[in-house]
Amino acid sequence: MQKGMLFLIPYGVMAVNDFKERYTKDFLKDLKKIKSDFSLQERLKSKIQEILKNPYHYKSLRNVLKNRRRTHISSFVLIFEVIDSEGVVAFHVFKHHDEVY
């Protein structure tokens, strides 16, 4: 997993959130696919900041994705995991709804 995002959030930005962010390689690949959609980038950036403030507000997933949570941003789904022991929210997937489900 990597820290910092390619073009949405400058490396190491942490504000006053309770949780730190962490991004998987798959998540960073997903971001490359939306780099021309600036409005979606801004909505994603805003949603990530909301998640870092209160990650337990979002829907828990079941079965194979048991320890993960999700939220929708227009027709896309953002899947993340809260790792309490490290104080980290790990972002795993950001794909179109049709690709995720």
PDB file of N, CA and C in Angstrom:
ATOM      1  N   MET A   1       0.832  -1.176   0.000  1.00  0.00           N
ATOM      2  CA  MET A   1       0.000   0.000   0.000  1.00  0.00           C
ATOM      3  C   MET A   1       0.877   1.240   0.000  1.00  0.00           C
ATOM      4  N   GLN A   2       0.349   2.306  -0.595  1.00  0.00           N
ATOM      5  CA  GLN A   2       1.111   3.533  -0.692  1.00  0.00           C
ATOM      6  C   GLN A   2       0.406   4.657   0.038  1.00  0.00           C
ATOM      7  N   LYS A   3       1.166   5.667   0.391  1.00  0.00           N
ATOM      8  CA  LYS A   3       0.619   6.838   1.054  1.00  0.00           C
ATOM      9  C   LYS A   3       0.677   7.992   0.067  1.00  0.00           C
ATOM     10  N   GLY A   4      -0.350   8.841   0.042  1.00  0.00           N
ATOM     11  CA  GLY A   4      -0.393   9.953  -0.891  1.00  0.00           C
ATOM     12  C   GLY A   4      -1.032   9.539  -2.201  1.00  0.00           C
ATOM     13  N   MET A   5      -1.709  10.462  -2.858  1.00  0.00           N
ATOM     14  CA  MET A   5      -2.385  10.144  -4.109  1.00  0.00           C
ATOM     15  C   MET A   5      -1.682  10.822  -5.264  1.00  0.00           C
ATOM     16  N   LEU A   6      -1.913  10.283  -6.441  1.00  0.00           N
ATOM     17  CA  LEU A   6      -1.257  10.800  -7.632  1.00  0.00           C
ATOM     18  C   LEU A   6      -1.579  12.262  -7.894  1.00  0.00           C
ATOM     19  N   PHE A   7      -2.847  12.583  -8.068  1.00  0.00           N
ATOM     20  CA  PHE A   7      -3.187  13.933  -8.487  1.00  0.00           C
ATOM     21  C   PHE A   7      -4.308  14.547  -7.672  1.00  0.00           C
ATOM     22  N   LEU A   8      -4.882  13.816  -6.752  1.00  0.00           N
ATOM     23  CA  LEU A   8      -5.996  14.357  -5.982  1.00  0.00           C
ATOM     24  C   LEU A   8      -5.546  15.029  -4.695  1.00  0.00           C
ATOM     25  N   ILE A   9      -4.663  14.386  -3.970  1.00  0.00           N
ATOM     26  CA  ILE A   9      -4.219  14.916  -2.690  1.00  0.00           C
ATOM     27  C   ILE A   9      -2.695  14.902  -2.686  1.00  0.00           C
ATOM     28  N   PRO A  10      -2.070  16.032  -2.395  1.00  0.00           N
ATOM     29  CA  PRO A  10      -0.611  16.058  -2.357  1.00  0.00           C
ATOM     30  C   PRO A  10      -0.066  15.043  -1.360  1.00  0.00           C
ATOM     31  N   TYR A  11       1.104  14.534  -1.631  1.00  0.00           N
ATOM     32  CA  TYR A  11       1.733  13.504  -0.801  1.00  0.00           C
ATOM     33  C   TYR A  11       1.785  13.948   0.657  1.00  0.00           C
ATOM     34  N   GLY A  12       1.279  13.093   1.541  1.00  0.00           N
ATOM     35  CA  GLY A  12       1.402  13.333   2.969  1.00  0.00           C
ATOM     36  C   GLY A  12       0.422  14.319   3.579  1.00  0.00           C
ATOM     37  N   VAL A  13      -0.576  14.792   2.843  1.00  0.00           N
ATOM     38  CA  VAL A  13      -1.544  15.730   3.407  1.00  0.00           C
ATOM     39  C   VAL A  13      -2.388  15.003   4.438  1.00  0.00           C
ATOM     40  N   MET A  14      -2.512  15.584   5.632  1.00  0.00           N
ATOM     41  CA  MET A  14      -3.205  14.876   6.696  1.00  0.00           C
ATOM     42  C   MET A  14      -4.214  15.710   7.471  1.00  0.00           C
ATOM     43  N   ALA A  15      -4.311  16.981   7.327  1.00  0.00           N
ATOM     44  CA  ALA A  15      -5.296  17.839   8.005  1.00  0.00           C
ATOM     45  C   ALA A  15      -5.483  17.446   9.468  1.00  0.00           C
ATOM     46  N   VAL A  16      -6.691  17.623   9.989  1.00  0.00           N
ATOM     47  CA  VAL A  16      -6.965  17.353  11.404  1.00  0.00           C
ATOM     48  C   VAL A  16      -7.878  16.144  11.563  1.00  0.00           C
ATOM     49  N   ASN A  17      -7.719  15.161  10.739  1.00  0.00           N
ATOM     50  CA  ASN A  17      -8.573  13.981  10.777  1.00  0.00           C
ATOM     51  C   ASN A  17      -8.114  13.011  11.852  1.00  0.00           C
ATOM     52  N   ASP A  18      -9.048  12.210  12.318  1.00  0.00           N
ATOM     53  CA  ASP A  18      -8.729  11.200  13.317  1.00  0.00           C
ATOM     54  C   ASP A  18      -7.958  10.038  12.713  1.00  0.00           C
ATOM     55  N   PHE A  19      -8.154   9.779  11.435  1.00  0.00           N
ATOM     56  CA  PHE A  19      -7.526   8.640  10.769  1.00  0.00           C
ATOM     57  C   PHE A  19      -6.560   9.117   9.691  1.00  0.00           C
ATOM     58  N   LYS A  20      -5.544   8.302   9.437  1.00  0.00           N
ATOM     59  CA  LYS A  20      -4.618   8.547   8.333  1.00  0.00           C
ATOM     60  C   LYS A  20      -5.135   7.784   7.123  1.00  0.00           C
ATOM     61  N   GLU A  21      -4.746   8.232   5.944  1.00  0.00           N
ATOM     62  CA  GLU A  21      -5.178   7.535   4.739  1.00  0.00           C
ATOM     63  C   GLU A  21      -4.055   6.660   4.197  1.00  0.00           C
ATOM     64  N   ARG A  22      -4.476   5.570   3.543  1.00  0.00           N
ATOM     65  CA  ARG A  22      -3.542   4.661   2.882  1.00  0.00           C
ATOM     66  C   ARG A  22      -4.216   4.214   1.591  1.00  0.00           C
ATOM     67  N   TYR A  23      -3.440   4.098   0.502  1.00  0.00           N
ATOM     68  CA  TYR A  23      -3.998   3.764  -0.806  1.00  0.00           C
ATOM     69  C   TYR A  23      -3.313   2.521  -1.363  1.00  0.00           C
ATOM     70  N   THR A  24      -4.109   1.568  -1.817  1.00  0.00           N
ATOM     71  CA  THR A  24      -3.551   0.356  -2.419  1.00  0.00           C
ATOM     72  C   THR A  24      -3.133   0.639  -3.863  1.00  0.00           C
ATOM     73  N   LYS A  25      -2.344  -0.251  -4.418  1.00  0.00           N
ATOM     74  CA  LYS A  25      -1.930  -0.111  -5.816  1.00  0.00           C
ATOM     75  C   LYS A  25      -3.140  -0.166  -6.745  1.00  0.00           C
ATOM     76  N   ASP A  26      -4.087  -1.035  -6.432  1.00  0.00           N
ATOM     77  CA  ASP A  26      -5.302  -1.135  -7.255  1.00  0.00           C
ATOM     78  C   ASP A  26      -6.083   0.171  -7.233  1.00  0.00           C
ATOM     79  N   PHE A  27      -6.174   0.795  -6.071  1.00  0.00           N
ATOM     80  CA  PHE A  27      -6.879   2.067  -5.952  1.00  0.00           C
ATOM     81  C   PHE A  27      -6.188   3.134  -6.804  1.00  0.00           C
ATOM     82  N   LEU A  28      -4.878   3.185  -6.744  1.00  0.00           N
ATOM     83  CA  LEU A  28      -4.142   4.177  -7.529  1.00  0.00           C
ATOM     84  C   LEU A  28      -4.310   3.937  -9.030  1.00  0.00           C
ATOM     85  N   LYS A  29      -4.407   2.664  -9.441  1.00  0.00           N
ATOM     86  CA  LYS A  29      -4.684   2.353 -10.851  1.00  0.00           C
ATOM     87  C   LYS A  29      -6.067   2.857 -11.248  1.00  0.00           C
ATOM     88  N   ASP A  30      -7.037   2.664 -10.345  1.00  0.00           N
ATOM     89  CA  ASP A  30      -8.397   3.140 -10.620  1.00  0.00           C
ATOM     90  C   ASP A  30      -8.418   4.653 -10.797  1.00  0.00           C
ATOM     91  N   LEU A  31      -7.604   5.372 -10.035  1.00  0.00           N
ATOM     92  CA  LEU A  31      -7.567   6.831 -10.130  1.00  0.00           C
ATOM     93  C   LEU A  31      -7.051   7.300 -11.484  1.00  0.00           C
ATOM     94  N   LYS A  32      -6.116   6.562 -12.047  1.00  0.00           N
ATOM     95  CA  LYS A  32      -5.575   6.942 -13.352  1.00  0.00           C
ATOM     96  C   LYS A  32      -6.663   6.964 -14.420  1.00  0.00           C
ATOM     97  N   LYS A  33      -7.675   6.118 -14.244  1.00  0.00           N
ATOM     98  CA  LYS A  33      -8.753   6.037 -15.228  1.00  0.00           C
ATOM     99  C   LYS A  33      -9.673   7.252 -15.199  1.00  0.00           C
ATOM    100  N   ILE A  34      -9.666   8.004 -14.112  1.00  0.00           N
ATOM    101  CA  ILE A  34     -10.568   9.164 -14.011  1.00  0.00           C
ATOM    102  C   ILE A  34      -9.816  10.490 -14.056  1.00  0.00           C
ATOM    103  N   LYS A  35      -8.555  10.481 -14.446  1.00  0.00           N
ATOM    104  CA  LYS A  35      -7.779  11.714 -14.356  1.00  0.00           C
ATOM    105  C   LYS A  35      -8.278  12.837 -15.264  1.00  0.00           C
ATOM    106  N   SER A  36      -9.097  12.537 -16.252  1.00  0.00           N
ATOM    107  CA  SER A  36      -9.626  13.608 -17.103  1.00  0.00           C
ATOM    108  C   SER A  36     -10.962  14.156 -16.594  1.00  0.00           C
ATOM    109  N   ASP A  37     -11.543  13.517 -15.592  1.00  0.00           N
ATOM    110  CA  ASP A  37     -12.832  13.956 -15.041  1.00  0.00           C
ATOM    111  C   ASP A  37     -12.597  14.732 -13.744  1.00  0.00           C
ATOM    112  N   PHE A  38     -12.403  16.048 -13.876  1.00  0.00           N
ATOM    113  CA  PHE A  38     -12.034  16.872 -12.730  1.00  0.00           C
ATOM    114  C   PHE A  38     -13.148  16.998 -11.696  1.00  0.00           C
ATOM    115  N   SER A  39     -14.397  17.022 -12.128  1.00  0.00           N
ATOM    116  CA  SER A  39     -15.488  17.127 -11.155  1.00  0.00           C
ATOM    117  C   SER A  39     -15.580  15.855 -10.308  1.00  0.00           C
ATOM    118  N   LEU A  40     -15.369  14.706 -10.921  1.00  0.00           N
ATOM    119  CA  LEU A  40     -15.374  13.449 -10.174  1.00  0.00           C
ATOM    120  C   LEU A  40     -14.188  13.396  -9.207  1.00  0.00           C
ATOM    121  N   GLN A  41     -13.049  13.903  -9.633  1.00  0.00           N
ATOM    122  CA  GLN A  41     -11.880  13.965  -8.751  1.00  0.00           C
ATOM    123  C   GLN A  41     -12.183  14.788  -7.507  1.00  0.00           C
ATOM    124  N   GLU A  42     -12.825  15.934  -7.700  1.00  0.00           N
ATOM    125  CA  GLU A  42     -13.154  16.806  -6.569  1.00  0.00           C
ATOM    126  C   GLU A  42     -14.151  16.150  -5.626  1.00  0.00           C
ATOM    127  N   ARG A  43     -15.152  15.468  -6.186  1.00  0.00           N
ATOM    128  CA  ARG A  43     -16.125  14.772  -5.338  1.00  0.00           C
ATOM    129  C   ARG A  43     -15.453  13.648  -4.558  1.00  0.00           C
ATOM    130  N   LEU A  44     -14.530  12.939  -5.200  1.00  0.00           N
ATOM    131  CA  LEU A  44     -13.794  11.870  -4.529  1.00  0.00           C
ATOM    132  C   LEU A  44     -12.929  12.440  -3.404  1.00  0.00           C
ATOM    133  N   LYS A  45     -12.234  13.507  -3.689  1.00  0.00           N
ATOM    134  CA  LYS A  45     -11.382  14.145  -2.678  1.00  0.00           C
ATOM    135  C   LYS A  45     -12.209  14.562  -1.464  1.00  0.00           C
ATOM    136  N   SER A  46     -13.346  15.166  -1.714  1.00  0.00           N
ATOM    137  CA  SER A  46     -14.232  15.600  -0.638  1.00  0.00           C
ATOM    138  C   SER A  46     -14.751  14.411   0.171  1.00  0.00           C
ATOM    139  N   LYS A  47     -15.136  13.358  -0.515  1.00  0.00           N
ATOM    140  CA  LYS A  47     -15.666  12.165   0.156  1.00  0.00           C
ATOM    141  C   LYS A  47     -14.587  11.496   1.008  1.00  0.00           C
ATOM    142  N   ILE A  48     -13.360  11.460   0.521  1.00  0.00           N
ATOM    143  CA  ILE A  48     -12.262  10.873   1.299  1.00  0.00           C
ATOM    144  C   ILE A  48     -12.058  11.650   2.592  1.00  0.00           C
ATOM    145  N   GLN A  49     -12.119  12.976   2.517  1.00  0.00           N
ATOM    146  CA  GLN A  49     -11.975  13.787   3.727  1.00  0.00           C
ATOM    147  C   GLN A  49     -13.102  13.503   4.717  1.00  0.00           C
ATOM    148  N   GLU A  50     -14.329  13.330   4.215  1.00  0.00           N
ATOM    149  CA  GLU A  50     -15.462  12.976   5.085  1.00  0.00           C
ATOM    150  C   GLU A  50     -15.240  11.616   5.735  1.00  0.00           C
ATOM    151  N   ILE A  51     -14.772  10.659   4.951  1.00  0.00           N
ATOM    152  CA  ILE A  51     -14.540   9.304   5.463  1.00  0.00           C
ATOM    153  C   ILE A  51     -13.486   9.318   6.565  1.00  0.00           C
ATOM    154  N   LEU A  52     -12.430  10.090   6.378  1.00  0.00           N
ATOM    155  CA  LEU A  52     -11.364  10.141   7.375  1.00  0.00           C
ATOM    156  C   LEU A  52     -11.856  10.717   8.702  1.00  0.00           C
ATOM    157  N   LYS A  53     -12.869  11.552   8.653  1.00  0.00           N
ATOM    158  CA  LYS A  53     -13.430  12.128   9.884  1.00  0.00           C
ATOM    159  C   LYS A  53     -14.324  11.133  10.615  1.00  0.00           C
ATOM    160  N   ASN A  54     -15.085  10.329   9.875  1.00  0.00           N
ATOM    161  CA  ASN A  54     -16.005   9.377  10.497  1.00  0.00           C
ATOM    162  C   ASN A  54     -16.207   8.163   9.585  1.00  0.00           C
ATOM    163  N   PRO A  55     -15.269   7.235   9.554  1.00  0.00           N
ATOM    164  CA  PRO A  55     -15.369   6.099   8.631  1.00  0.00           C
ATOM    165  C   PRO A  55     -16.471   5.102   8.978  1.00  0.00           C
ATOM    166  N   TYR A  56     -16.960   5.116  10.198  1.00  0.00           N
ATOM    167  CA  TYR A  56     -17.976   4.142  10.609  1.00  0.00           C
ATOM    168  C   TYR A  56     -19.385   4.535  10.189  1.00  0.00           C
ATOM    169  N   HIS A  57     -19.533   5.685   9.592  1.00  0.00           N
ATOM    170  CA  HIS A  57     -20.832   6.156   9.111  1.00  0.00           C
ATOM    171  C   HIS A  57     -21.291   5.374   7.874  1.00  0.00           C
ATOM    172  N   TYR A  58     -20.382   4.736   7.180  1.00  0.00           N
ATOM    173  CA  TYR A  58     -20.666   4.132   5.883  1.00  0.00           C
ATOM    174  C   TYR A  58     -21.010   2.649   5.993  1.00  0.00           C
ATOM    175  N   LYS A  59     -21.696   2.152   4.986  1.00  0.00           N
ATOM    176  CA  LYS A  59     -22.239   0.790   4.991  1.00  0.00           C
ATOM    177  C   LYS A  59     -21.141  -0.273   5.026  1.00  0.00           C
ATOM    178  N   SER A  60     -21.301  -1.222   5.942  1.00  0.00           N
ATOM    179  CA  SER A  60     -20.391  -2.372   6.030  1.00  0.00           C
ATOM    180  C   SER A  60     -20.752  -3.386   4.954  1.00  0.00           C
ATOM    181  N   LEU A  61     -19.737  -4.030   4.400  1.00  0.00           N
ATOM    182  CA  LEU A  61     -19.958  -5.068   3.399  1.00  0.00           C
ATOM    183  C   LEU A  61     -19.914  -6.439   4.066  1.00  0.00           C
ATOM    184  N   ARG A  62     -20.362  -7.454   3.342  1.00  0.00           N
ATOM    185  CA  ARG A  62     -20.437  -8.807   3.906  1.00  0.00           C
ATOM    186  C   ARG A  62     -19.673  -9.801   3.043  1.00  0.00           C
ATOM    187  N   ASN A  63     -19.662 -11.042   3.515  1.00  0.00           N
ATOM    188  CA  ASN A  63     -19.039 -12.177   2.826  1.00  0.00           C
ATOM    189  C   ASN A  63     -17.559 -11.942   2.556  1.00  0.00           C
ATOM    190  N   VAL A  64     -17.144 -11.990   1.316  1.00  0.00           N
ATOM    191  CA  VAL A  64     -15.728 -11.877   0.961  1.00  0.00           C
ATOM    192  C   VAL A  64     -15.153 -10.515   1.354  1.00  0.00           C
ATOM    193  N   LEU A  65     -15.958  -9.486   1.298  1.00  0.00           N
ATOM    194  CA  LEU A  65     -15.519  -8.128   1.633  1.00  0.00           C
ATOM    195  C   LEU A  65     -15.887  -7.750   3.068  1.00  0.00           C
ATOM    196  N   LYS A  66     -15.919  -8.708   3.945  1.00  0.00           N
ATOM    197  CA  LYS A  66     -16.459  -8.568   5.295  1.00  0.00           C
ATOM    198  C   LYS A  66     -15.962  -7.351   6.082  1.00  0.00           C
ATOM    199  N   ASN A  67     -14.694  -7.082   6.120  1.00  0.00           N
ATOM    200  CA  ASN A  67     -14.151  -5.998   6.945  1.00  0.00           C
ATOM    201  C   ASN A  67     -14.090  -4.657   6.227  1.00  0.00           C
ATOM    202  N   ARG A  68     -14.730  -4.565   5.091  1.00  0.00           N
ATOM    203  CA  ARG A  68     -14.661  -3.333   4.301  1.00  0.00           C
ATOM    204  C   ARG A  68     -15.988  -2.596   4.311  1.00  0.00           C
ATOM    205  N   ARG A  69     -15.929  -1.337   3.913  1.00  0.00           N
ATOM    206  CA  ARG A  69     -17.115  -0.483   3.850  1.00  0.00           C
ATOM    207  C   ARG A  69     -17.170   0.151   2.475  1.00  0.00           C
ATOM    208  N   ARG A  70     -18.336   0.723   2.147  1.00  0.00           N
ATOM    209  CA  ARG A  70     -18.477   1.332   0.823  1.00  0.00           C
ATOM    210  C   ARG A  70     -19.348   2.571   0.874  1.00  0.00           C
ATOM    211  N   THR A  71     -19.134   3.406  -0.133  1.00  0.00           N
ATOM    212  CA  THR A  71     -19.987   4.556  -0.363  1.00  0.00           C
ATOM    213  C   THR A  71     -20.040   4.803  -1.866  1.00  0.00           C
ATOM    214  N   HIS A  72     -21.108   5.430  -2.299  1.00  0.00           N
ATOM    215  CA  HIS A  72     -21.273   5.746  -3.720  1.00  0.00           C
ATOM    216  C   HIS A  72     -20.920   7.206  -3.973  1.00  0.00           C
ATOM    217  N   ILE A  73     -20.290   7.439  -5.102  1.00  0.00           N
ATOM    218  CA  ILE A  73     -20.032   8.783  -5.599  1.00  0.00           C
ATOM    219  C   ILE A  73     -20.523   8.771  -7.033  1.00  0.00           C
ATOM    220  N   SER A  74     -21.677   9.348  -7.255  1.00  0.00           N
ATOM    221  CA  SER A  74     -22.434   9.245  -8.507  1.00  0.00           C
ATOM    222  C   SER A  74     -22.563   7.767  -8.870  1.00  0.00           C
ATOM    223  N   SER A  75     -22.104   7.336 -10.029  1.00  0.00           N
ATOM    224  CA  SER A  75     -22.265   5.932 -10.423  1.00  0.00           C
ATOM    225  C   SER A  75     -21.031   5.086 -10.082  1.00  0.00           C
ATOM    226  N   PHE A  76     -20.147   5.632  -9.269  1.00  0.00           N
ATOM    227  CA  PHE A  76     -18.946   4.922  -8.847  1.00  0.00           C
ATOM    228  C   PHE A  76     -19.079   4.455  -7.401  1.00  0.00           C
ATOM    229  N   VAL A  77     -18.298   3.432  -7.051  1.00  0.00           N
ATOM    230  CA  VAL A  77     -18.291   2.893  -5.691  1.00  0.00           C
ATOM    231  C   VAL A  77     -16.871   2.996  -5.136  1.00  0.00           C
ATOM    232  N   LEU A  78     -16.769   3.515  -3.927  1.00  0.00           N
ATOM    233  CA  LEU A  78     -15.499   3.610  -3.215  1.00  0.00           C
ATOM    234  C   LEU A  78     -15.532   2.590  -2.078  1.00  0.00           C
ATOM    235  N   ILE A  79     -14.594   1.645  -2.101  1.00  0.00           N
ATOM    236  CA  ILE A  79     -14.520   0.606  -1.071  1.00  0.00           C
ATOM    237  C   ILE A  79     -13.258   0.839  -0.247  1.00  0.00           C
ATOM    238  N   PHE A  80     -13.441   0.831   1.072  1.00  0.00           N
ATOM    239  CA  PHE A  80     -12.331   1.096   1.977  1.00  0.00           C
ATOM    240  C   PHE A  80     -12.422   0.213   3.210  1.00  0.00           C
ATOM    241  N   GLU A  81     -11.339   0.192   3.975  1.00  0.00           N
ATOM    242  CA  GLU A  81     -11.248  -0.634   5.176  1.00  0.00           C
ATOM    243  C   GLU A  81     -10.713   0.224   6.316  1.00  0.00           C
ATOM    244  N   VAL A  82     -11.306   0.092   7.483  1.00  0.00           N
ATOM    245  CA  VAL A  82     -10.845   0.810   8.670  1.00  0.00           C
ATOM    246  C   VAL A  82      -9.949  -0.131   9.469  1.00  0.00           C
ATOM    247  N   ILE A  83      -8.710   0.301   9.702  1.00  0.00           N
ATOM    248  CA  ILE A  83      -7.761  -0.494  10.485  1.00  0.00           C
ATOM    249  C   ILE A  83      -7.527   0.260  11.790  1.00  0.00           C
ATOM    250  N   ASP A  84      -8.329  -0.064  12.796  1.00  0.00           N
ATOM    251  CA  ASP A  84      -8.296   0.647  14.076  1.00  0.00           C
ATOM    252  C   ASP A  84      -6.939   0.597  14.757  1.00  0.00           C
ATOM    253  N   SER A  85      -6.306  -0.554  14.741  1.00  0.00           N
ATOM    254  CA  SER A  85      -5.042  -0.723  15.462  1.00  0.00           C
ATOM    255  C   SER A  85      -3.957   0.229  14.969  1.00  0.00           C
ATOM    256  N   GLU A  86      -4.051   0.651  13.706  1.00  0.00           N
ATOM    257  CA  GLU A  86      -3.064   1.559  13.123  1.00  0.00           C
ATOM    258  C   GLU A  86      -3.609   2.972  12.963  1.00  0.00           C
ATOM    259  N   GLY A  87      -4.897   3.164  13.215  1.00  0.00           N
ATOM    260  CA  GLY A  87      -5.509   4.477  13.010  1.00  0.00           C
ATOM    261  C   GLY A  87      -5.528   4.864  11.546  1.00  0.00           C
ATOM    262  N   VAL A  88      -5.805   3.879  10.675  1.00  0.00           N
ATOM    263  CA  VAL A  88      -5.696   4.071   9.230  1.00  0.00           C
ATOM    264  C   VAL A  88      -6.994   3.676   8.535  1.00  0.00           C
ATOM    265  N   VAL A  89      -7.319   4.424   7.478  1.00  0.00           N
ATOM    266  CA  VAL A  89      -8.364   4.012   6.545  1.00  0.00           C
ATOM    267  C   VAL A  89      -7.651   3.668   5.242  1.00  0.00           C
ATOM    268  N   ALA A  90      -7.769   2.415   4.823  1.00  0.00           N
ATOM    269  CA  ALA A  90      -7.126   1.947   3.591  1.00  0.00           C
ATOM    270  C   ALA A  90      -8.157   1.943   2.469  1.00  0.00           C
ATOM    271  N   PHE A  91      -7.869   2.672   1.397  1.00  0.00           N
ATOM    272  CA  PHE A  91      -8.769   2.750   0.249  1.00  0.00           C
ATOM    273  C   PHE A  91      -8.341   1.698  -0.769  1.00  0.00           C
ATOM    274  N   HIS A  92      -9.298   0.822  -1.137  1.00  0.00           N
ATOM    275  CA  HIS A  92      -8.979  -0.335  -1.970  1.00  0.00           C
ATOM    276  C   HIS A  92      -9.461  -0.217  -3.413  1.00  0.00           C
ATOM    277  N   VAL A  93     -10.684   0.256  -3.616  1.00  0.00           N
ATOM    278  CA  VAL A  93     -11.294   0.224  -4.951  1.00  0.00           C
ATOM    279  C   VAL A  93     -12.084   1.502  -5.187  1.00  0.00           C
ATOM    280  N   PHE A  94     -11.965   2.036  -6.406  1.00  0.00           N
ATOM    281  CA  PHE A  94     -12.839   3.114  -6.861  1.00  0.00           C
ATOM    282  C   PHE A  94     -13.167   2.828  -8.319  1.00  0.00           C
ATOM    283  N   LYS A  95     -14.308   2.163  -8.524  1.00  0.00           N
ATOM    284  CA  LYS A  95     -14.697   1.756  -9.872  1.00  0.00           C
ATOM    285  C   LYS A  95     -16.165   2.043 -10.107  1.00  0.00           C
ATOM    286  N   HIS A  96     -16.534   1.973 -11.377  1.00  0.00           N
ATOM    287  CA  HIS A  96     -17.934   2.123 -11.744  1.00  0.00           C
ATOM    288  C   HIS A  96     -18.735   1.003 -11.096  1.00  0.00           C
ATOM    289  N   HIS A  97     -19.951   1.313 -10.712  1.00  0.00           N
ATOM    290  CA  HIS A  97     -20.823   0.354 -10.031  1.00  0.00           C
ATOM    291  C   HIS A  97     -20.929  -0.962 -10.800  1.00  0.00           C
ATOM    292  N   ASP A  98     -21.029  -0.900 -12.119  1.00  0.00           N
ATOM    293  CA  ASP A  98     -21.167  -2.109 -12.944  1.00  0.00           C
ATOM    294  C   ASP A  98     -19.939  -3.018 -12.865  1.00  0.00           C
ATOM    295  N   GLU A  99     -18.769  -2.458 -12.616  1.00  0.00           N
ATOM    296  CA  GLU A  99     -17.544  -3.251 -12.520  1.00  0.00           C
ATOM    297  C   GLU A  99     -17.373  -3.885 -11.140  1.00  0.00           C
ATOM    298  N   VAL A 100     -17.944  -3.259 -10.129  1.00  0.00           N
ATOM    299  CA  VAL A 100     -17.756  -3.730  -8.754  1.00  0.00           C
ATOM    300  C   VAL A 100     -18.734  -4.836  -8.407  1.00  0.00           C
ATOM    301  N   TYR A 101     -19.997  -4.668  -8.798  1.00  0.00           N
ATOM    302  CA  TYR A 101     -21.027  -5.628  -8.386  1.00  0.00           C
ATOM    303  C   TYR A 101     -21.413  -6.546  -9.516  1.00  0.00           C
TER     304      TYR A 101
END
